[in-house]
Amino acid sequence: MTTVLTYLLVAISAILCFLIVLQSKGTGLSLAPGSGDFGKFEKRGPEKILHIITTGFVVAFVVCATLIFFLAA
């Protein structure tokens, strides 16, 4: 069982890395004071879908890693 979960964790982490690279660049610290980008907090369209999918894979990663931790003991 832990072998299957380990393979699943590796697959999820690879997909998660790919999804994070796809995220739009330049949004991390662009909301610093003086940048004039205040108020742009809402995600729309494909950006919102990508964000939801990434969040889902993060939750799956945490659940899978937790299951491996408790089943390996």
C-alpha atoms as a PDB file:
ATOM      1  CA  MET A   1       0.000   0.000   0.000  1.00  0.00           C
ATOM      2  CA  THR A   2       2.758   2.437   0.843  1.00  0.00           C
ATOM      3  CA  THR A   3       4.468   1.662  -2.476  1.00  0.00           C
ATOM      4  CA  VAL A   4       1.380   2.731  -4.407  1.00  0.00           C
ATOM      5  CA  LEU A   5       1.066   5.860  -2.283  1.00  0.00           C
ATOM      6  CA  THR A   6       4.737   6.656  -2.846  1.00  0.00           C
ATOM      7  CA  TYR A   7       4.329   6.436  -6.616  1.00  0.00           C
ATOM      8  CA  LEU A   8       1.185   8.547  -6.365  1.00  0.00           C
ATOM      9  CA  LEU A   9       3.047  11.136  -4.283  1.00  0.00           C
ATOM     10  CA  VAL A  10       5.840  11.346  -6.866  1.00  0.00           C
ATOM     11  CA  ALA A  11       3.292  11.786  -9.678  1.00  0.00           C
ATOM     12  CA  ILE A  12       1.379  14.451  -7.754  1.00  0.00           C
ATOM     13  CA  SER A  13       4.578  16.333  -6.947  1.00  0.00           C
ATOM     14  CA  ALA A  14       5.671  16.315 -10.613  1.00  0.00           C
ATOM     15  CA  ILE A  15       2.273  17.630 -11.719  1.00  0.00           C
ATOM     16  CA  LEU A  16       2.348  20.200  -8.925  1.00  0.00           C
ATOM     17  CA  CYS A  17       5.758  21.468 -10.037  1.00  0.00           C
ATOM     18  CA  PHE A  18       4.450  21.837 -13.579  1.00  0.00           C
ATOM     19  CA  LEU A  19       1.339  23.713 -12.384  1.00  0.00           C
ATOM     20  CA  ILE A  20       3.390  26.090 -10.248  1.00  0.00           C
ATOM     21  CA  VAL A  21       5.656  26.897 -13.198  1.00  0.00           C
ATOM     22  CA  LEU A  22       2.548  27.688 -15.261  1.00  0.00           C
ATOM     23  CA  GLN A  23       1.400  30.336 -12.791  1.00  0.00           C
ATOM     24  CA  SER A  24       1.706  33.896 -14.014  1.00  0.00           C
ATOM     25  CA  LYS A  25       5.037  35.518 -13.286  1.00  0.00           C
ATOM     26  CA  GLY A  26       5.584  38.868 -11.647  1.00  0.00           C
ATOM     27  CA  THR A  27       2.618  38.707  -9.283  1.00  0.00           C
ATOM     28  CA  GLY A  28       4.525  37.844  -6.130  1.00  0.00           C
ATOM     29  CA  LEU A  29       5.940  41.172  -5.002  1.00  0.00           C
ATOM     30  CA  SER A  30       4.263  43.366  -7.590  1.00  0.00           C
ATOM     31  CA  LEU A  31       1.823  44.545  -4.921  1.00  0.00           C
ATOM     32  CA  ALA A  32       4.593  46.330  -3.045  1.00  0.00           C
ATOM     33  CA  PRO A  33       3.879  49.915  -2.029  1.00  0.00           C
ATOM     34  CA  GLY A  34       4.365  52.298  -4.909  1.00  0.00           C
ATOM     35  CA  SER A  35       3.717  49.762  -7.641  1.00  0.00           C
ATOM     36  CA  GLY A  36       0.246  51.073  -8.446  1.00  0.00           C
ATOM     37  CA  ASP A  37      -1.237  47.564  -8.590  1.00  0.00           C
ATOM     38  CA  PHE A  38      -3.418  47.756  -5.494  1.00  0.00           C
ATOM     39  CA  GLY A  39      -6.877  46.304  -5.959  1.00  0.00           C
ATOM     40  CA  LYS A  40      -5.859  43.527  -8.340  1.00  0.00           C
ATOM     41  CA  PHE A  41      -6.582  40.672  -5.964  1.00  0.00           C
ATOM     42  CA  GLU A  42      -9.277  38.817  -7.891  1.00  0.00           C
ATOM     43  CA  LYS A  43      -8.361  36.000 -10.242  1.00  0.00           C
ATOM     44  CA  ARG A  44     -10.455  35.608 -13.376  1.00  0.00           C
ATOM     45  CA  GLY A  45     -10.822  33.147 -16.227  1.00  0.00           C
ATOM     46  CA  PRO A  46      -8.070  30.618 -16.875  1.00  0.00           C
ATOM     47  CA  GLU A  47      -5.963  32.063 -14.052  1.00  0.00           C
ATOM     48  CA  LYS A  48      -8.707  31.199 -11.549  1.00  0.00           C
ATOM     49  CA  ILE A  49      -9.137  27.671 -12.950  1.00  0.00           C
ATOM     50  CA  LEU A  50      -5.378  27.083 -12.774  1.00  0.00           C
ATOM     51  CA  HIS A  51      -5.346  28.348  -9.187  1.00  0.00           C
ATOM     52  CA  ILE A  52      -8.176  25.993  -8.182  1.00  0.00           C
ATOM     53  CA  ILE A  53      -6.488  23.009  -9.849  1.00  0.00           C
ATOM     54  CA  THR A  54      -3.182  23.840  -8.132  1.00  0.00           C
ATOM     55  CA  THR A  55      -4.926  24.098  -4.764  1.00  0.00           C
ATOM     56  CA  GLY A  56      -6.543  20.715  -5.329  1.00  0.00           C
ATOM     57  CA  PHE A  57      -3.193  19.107  -6.090  1.00  0.00           C
ATOM     58  CA  VAL A  58      -1.655  20.700  -2.985  1.00  0.00           C
ATOM     59  CA  VAL A  59      -4.426  19.192  -0.854  1.00  0.00           C
ATOM     60  CA  ALA A  60      -3.928  15.795  -2.534  1.00  0.00           C
ATOM     61  CA  PHE A  61      -0.167  16.038  -1.910  1.00  0.00           C
ATOM     62  CA  VAL A  62      -0.628  16.784   1.802  1.00  0.00           C
ATOM     63  CA  VAL A  63      -3.193  13.995   2.237  1.00  0.00           C
ATOM     64  CA  CYS A  64      -0.998  11.480   0.421  1.00  0.00           C
ATOM     65  CA  ALA A  65       2.112  12.456   2.400  1.00  0.00           C
ATOM     66  CA  THR A  66       0.172  12.208   5.669  1.00  0.00           C
ATOM     67  CA  LEU A  67      -1.158   8.757   4.748  1.00  0.00           C
ATOM     68  CA  ILE A  68       2.350   7.563   3.916  1.00  0.00           C
ATOM     69  CA  PHE A  69       3.616   8.905   7.245  1.00  0.00           C
ATOM     70  CA  PHE A  70       0.992   7.108   9.308  1.00  0.00           C
ATOM     71  CA  LEU A  71       0.969   3.859   7.311  1.00  0.00           C
ATOM     72  CA  ALA A  72       4.762   3.504   7.350  1.00  0.00           C
ATOM     73  CA  ALA A  73       4.901   3.415  11.145  1.00  0.00           C
END
